[in-house]
Amino acid sequence: MLNMPKAFPEELRRDVVAVARKGDSTIVQIAKDFGISPAALHRWLKIADVQDGVVPGITKEESTELREAKKRIASWNRRRR
């Protein structure tokens, strides 16, 4: 059986990212304090940076829009044949 990571609520993710961004503690210590892995915290920080426009990238909403647009285009192309 696969060892799937447990899902954390979005509110917890936001809180942990906010604490990490303050820079008062190390990533390792913050992760330990909140019971998550340092790798998960790094990933959450990268995602938050994109979502907040700190670094370029595609947000979750933009990704959803692109996926839906691709489906519409594929459907339209199938009908044209």
N, C-alpha and C. Protein backbone atom coordinates (compact mmCIF):
# COMPACT_ATOMS: atom_id res chain seq x y z
N MET A 1 0.85 -1.18 0.00
CA MET A 1 0.00 0.00 0.00
C MET A 1 0.89 1.25 0.00
N LEU A 2 0.48 2.25 -0.76
CA LEU A 2 1.24 3.49 -0.82
C LEU A 2 1.09 4.29 0.47
N ASN A 3 2.14 4.94 0.84
CA ASN A 3 2.11 5.79 2.03
C ASN A 3 1.78 7.21 1.58
N MET A 4 0.50 7.53 1.52
CA MET A 4 0.04 8.83 1.04
C MET A 4 0.21 9.88 2.12
N PRO A 5 0.68 11.07 1.73
CA PRO A 5 0.79 12.14 2.73
C PRO A 5 -0.61 12.59 3.18
N LYS A 6 -0.69 12.99 4.43
CA LYS A 6 -1.99 13.43 4.91
C LYS A 6 -2.24 14.87 4.44
N ALA A 7 -3.49 15.15 4.16
CA ALA A 7 -3.86 16.48 3.69
C ALA A 7 -3.96 17.42 4.89
N PHE A 8 -3.47 18.63 4.70
CA PHE A 8 -3.55 19.65 5.74
C PHE A 8 -4.53 20.72 5.29
N PRO A 9 -5.32 21.25 6.20
CA PRO A 9 -6.28 22.29 5.83
C PRO A 9 -5.56 23.53 5.28
N GLU A 10 -6.21 24.20 4.37
CA GLU A 10 -5.65 25.40 3.73
C GLU A 10 -5.31 26.46 4.77
N GLU A 11 -6.15 26.59 5.79
CA GLU A 11 -5.92 27.59 6.84
C GLU A 11 -4.60 27.31 7.57
N LEU A 12 -4.33 26.03 7.85
CA LEU A 12 -3.08 25.66 8.50
C LEU A 12 -1.89 26.01 7.60
N ARG A 13 -2.02 25.71 6.32
CA ARG A 13 -0.95 26.03 5.38
C ARG A 13 -0.64 27.52 5.37
N ARG A 14 -1.70 28.33 5.32
CA ARG A 14 -1.51 29.79 5.32
C ARG A 14 -0.82 30.25 6.61
N ASP A 15 -1.24 29.69 7.74
CA ASP A 15 -0.65 30.08 9.03
C ASP A 15 0.83 29.70 9.09
N VAL A 16 1.16 28.49 8.65
CA VAL A 16 2.55 28.02 8.69
C VAL A 16 3.41 28.87 7.76
N VAL A 17 2.90 29.19 6.57
CA VAL A 17 3.64 30.03 5.63
C VAL A 17 3.87 31.41 6.24
N ALA A 18 2.86 31.96 6.89
CA ALA A 18 3.01 33.28 7.51
C ALA A 18 4.09 33.26 8.58
N VAL A 19 4.12 32.21 9.39
CA VAL A 19 5.15 32.09 10.43
C VAL A 19 6.53 31.97 9.79
N ALA A 20 6.63 31.17 8.74
CA ALA A 20 7.92 30.97 8.07
C ALA A 20 8.41 32.26 7.43
N ARG A 21 7.51 33.03 6.87
CA ARG A 21 7.90 34.29 6.21
C ARG A 21 8.40 35.33 7.21
N LYS A 22 8.00 35.23 8.46
CA LYS A 22 8.50 36.17 9.46
C LYS A 22 10.00 36.02 9.66
N GLY A 23 10.50 34.80 9.47
CA GLY A 23 11.93 34.56 9.56
C GLY A 23 12.49 34.49 10.96
N ASP A 24 11.63 34.32 11.96
CA ASP A 24 12.10 34.26 13.34
C ASP A 24 12.71 32.91 13.71
N SER A 25 12.37 31.86 12.95
CA SER A 25 12.88 30.51 13.21
C SER A 25 13.30 29.88 11.89
N THR A 26 14.02 28.77 12.00
CA THR A 26 14.43 28.06 10.79
C THR A 26 13.25 27.27 10.22
N ILE A 27 13.36 26.94 8.95
CA ILE A 27 12.34 26.12 8.29
C ILE A 27 12.20 24.78 9.03
N VAL A 28 13.32 24.20 9.38
CA VAL A 28 13.31 22.90 10.07
C VAL A 28 12.57 23.01 11.40
N GLN A 29 12.83 24.07 12.17
CA GLN A 29 12.17 24.23 13.46
C GLN A 29 10.68 24.49 13.31
N ILE A 30 10.32 25.31 12.34
CA ILE A 30 8.89 25.61 12.11
C ILE A 30 8.17 24.34 11.70
N ALA A 31 8.77 23.58 10.79
CA ALA A 31 8.15 22.33 10.35
C ALA A 31 7.96 21.38 11.53
N LYS A 32 8.98 21.27 12.37
CA LYS A 32 8.90 20.40 13.55
C LYS A 32 7.80 20.88 14.49
N ASP A 33 7.71 22.18 14.71
CA ASP A 33 6.70 22.74 15.61
C ASP A 33 5.27 22.45 15.13
N PHE A 34 5.08 22.45 13.81
CA PHE A 34 3.74 22.24 13.26
C PHE A 34 3.49 20.78 12.86
N GLY A 35 4.48 19.92 13.02
CA GLY A 35 4.29 18.51 12.72
C GLY A 35 4.24 18.19 11.23
N ILE A 36 5.00 18.95 10.45
CA ILE A 36 5.07 18.69 9.02
C ILE A 36 6.53 18.49 8.63
N SER A 37 6.76 18.03 7.42
CA SER A 37 8.14 17.86 6.99
C SER A 37 8.69 19.18 6.45
N PRO A 38 9.99 19.38 6.58
CA PRO A 38 10.59 20.58 5.99
C PRO A 38 10.35 20.67 4.48
N ALA A 39 10.33 19.52 3.80
CA ALA A 39 10.07 19.51 2.36
C ALA A 39 8.67 20.04 2.06
N ALA A 40 7.70 19.65 2.87
CA ALA A 40 6.33 20.14 2.68
C ALA A 40 6.28 21.66 2.87
N LEU A 41 6.97 22.15 3.89
CA LEU A 41 6.98 23.59 4.13
C LEU A 41 7.64 24.34 2.98
N HIS A 42 8.73 23.81 2.46
CA HIS A 42 9.37 24.44 1.30
C HIS A 42 8.40 24.49 0.12
N ARG A 43 7.68 23.40 -0.11
CA ARG A 43 6.71 23.35 -1.21
C ARG A 43 5.60 24.37 -0.99
N TRP A 44 5.09 24.45 0.24
CA TRP A 44 4.03 25.41 0.55
C TRP A 44 4.51 26.84 0.33
N LEU A 45 5.76 27.11 0.70
CA LEU A 45 6.31 28.46 0.49
C LEU A 45 6.42 28.79 -1.00
N LYS A 46 6.86 27.85 -1.80
CA LYS A 46 6.96 28.08 -3.25
C LYS A 46 5.58 28.34 -3.85
N ILE A 47 4.61 27.53 -3.45
CA ILE A 47 3.24 27.72 -3.95
C ILE A 47 2.70 29.08 -3.52
N ALA A 48 2.92 29.46 -2.28
CA ALA A 48 2.44 30.74 -1.76
C ALA A 48 3.11 31.90 -2.50
N ASP A 49 4.40 31.76 -2.81
CA ASP A 49 5.10 32.81 -3.55
C ASP A 49 4.48 33.03 -4.93
N VAL A 50 4.10 31.96 -5.60
CA VAL A 50 3.45 32.09 -6.91
C VAL A 50 2.06 32.69 -6.74
N GLN A 51 1.30 32.15 -5.79
CA GLN A 51 -0.07 32.63 -5.55
C GLN A 51 -0.09 34.12 -5.18
N ASP A 52 0.92 34.56 -4.45
CA ASP A 52 0.99 35.95 -4.00
C ASP A 52 1.70 36.87 -4.98
N GLY A 53 2.16 36.31 -6.09
CA GLY A 53 2.81 37.13 -7.11
C GLY A 53 4.25 37.52 -6.78
N VAL A 54 4.85 36.85 -5.80
CA VAL A 54 6.22 37.15 -5.42
C VAL A 54 7.19 36.65 -6.49
N VAL A 55 6.88 35.49 -7.07
CA VAL A 55 7.68 34.92 -8.15
C VAL A 55 6.73 34.56 -9.30
N PRO A 56 7.24 34.57 -10.54
CA PRO A 56 6.36 34.22 -11.66
C PRO A 56 5.99 32.75 -11.64
N GLY A 57 4.84 32.46 -12.17
CA GLY A 57 4.36 31.08 -12.24
C GLY A 57 2.87 31.08 -12.49
N ILE A 58 2.33 29.90 -12.60
CA ILE A 58 0.90 29.76 -12.86
C ILE A 58 0.20 29.44 -11.55
N THR A 59 -0.79 30.24 -11.20
CA THR A 59 -1.56 30.01 -9.98
C THR A 59 -2.50 28.84 -10.18
N LYS A 60 -3.06 28.35 -9.09
CA LYS A 60 -4.00 27.24 -9.17
C LYS A 60 -5.21 27.62 -10.03
N GLU A 61 -5.68 28.85 -9.89
CA GLU A 61 -6.84 29.29 -10.66
C GLU A 61 -6.50 29.34 -12.16
N GLU A 62 -5.32 29.86 -12.48
CA GLU A 62 -4.90 29.92 -13.88
C GLU A 62 -4.73 28.53 -14.46
N SER A 63 -4.20 27.62 -13.68
CA SER A 63 -4.02 26.25 -14.13
C SER A 63 -5.38 25.61 -14.44
N THR A 64 -6.35 25.86 -13.58
CA THR A 64 -7.70 25.33 -13.81
C THR A 64 -8.29 25.92 -15.08
N GLU A 65 -8.13 27.22 -15.27
CA GLU A 65 -8.65 27.87 -16.48
C GLU A 65 -7.99 27.29 -17.73
N LEU A 66 -6.68 27.09 -17.70
CA LEU A 66 -5.97 26.53 -18.85
C LEU A 66 -6.45 25.12 -19.16
N ARG A 67 -6.62 24.29 -18.13
CA ARG A 67 -7.09 22.92 -18.33
C ARG A 67 -8.48 22.91 -18.96
N GLU A 68 -9.38 23.77 -18.48
CA GLU A 68 -10.72 23.84 -19.03
C GLU A 68 -10.70 24.34 -20.47
N ALA A 69 -9.86 25.32 -20.76
CA ALA A 69 -9.75 25.83 -22.13
C ALA A 69 -9.23 24.74 -23.07
N LYS A 70 -8.25 23.98 -22.62
CA LYS A 70 -7.72 22.89 -23.45
C LYS A 70 -8.79 21.84 -23.74
N LYS A 71 -9.63 21.54 -22.75
CA LYS A 71 -10.72 20.59 -22.95
C LYS A 71 -11.71 21.12 -23.99
N ARG A 72 -12.04 22.43 -23.90
CA ARG A 72 -12.97 23.02 -24.87
C ARG A 72 -12.39 22.97 -26.28
N ILE A 73 -11.11 23.28 -26.40
CA ILE A 73 -10.46 23.26 -27.71
C ILE A 73 -10.43 21.85 -28.27
N ALA A 74 -10.08 20.87 -27.44
CA ALA A 74 -10.04 19.48 -27.89
C ALA A 74 -11.43 19.02 -28.34
N SER A 75 -12.44 19.40 -27.58
CA SER A 75 -13.82 19.03 -27.94
C SER A 75 -14.23 19.67 -29.25
N TRP A 76 -13.88 20.93 -29.42
CA TRP A 76 -14.19 21.64 -30.67
C TRP A 76 -13.48 21.00 -31.85
N ASN A 77 -12.22 20.63 -31.66
CA ASN A 77 -11.45 19.97 -32.74
C ASN A 77 -12.05 18.62 -33.10
N ARG A 78 -12.53 17.86 -32.12
CA ARG A 78 -13.15 16.56 -32.40
C ARG A 78 -14.43 16.75 -33.21
N ARG A 79 -15.20 17.78 -32.91
CA ARG A 79 -16.46 18.02 -33.64
C ARG A 79 -16.19 18.44 -35.08
N ARG A 80 -15.09 19.10 -35.32
CA ARG A 80 -14.76 19.60 -36.67
C ARG A 80 -14.40 18.47 -37.61
N ARG A 81 -13.96 17.35 -37.11
CA ARG A 81 -13.51 16.24 -37.97
C ARG A 81 -14.63 15.59 -38.64
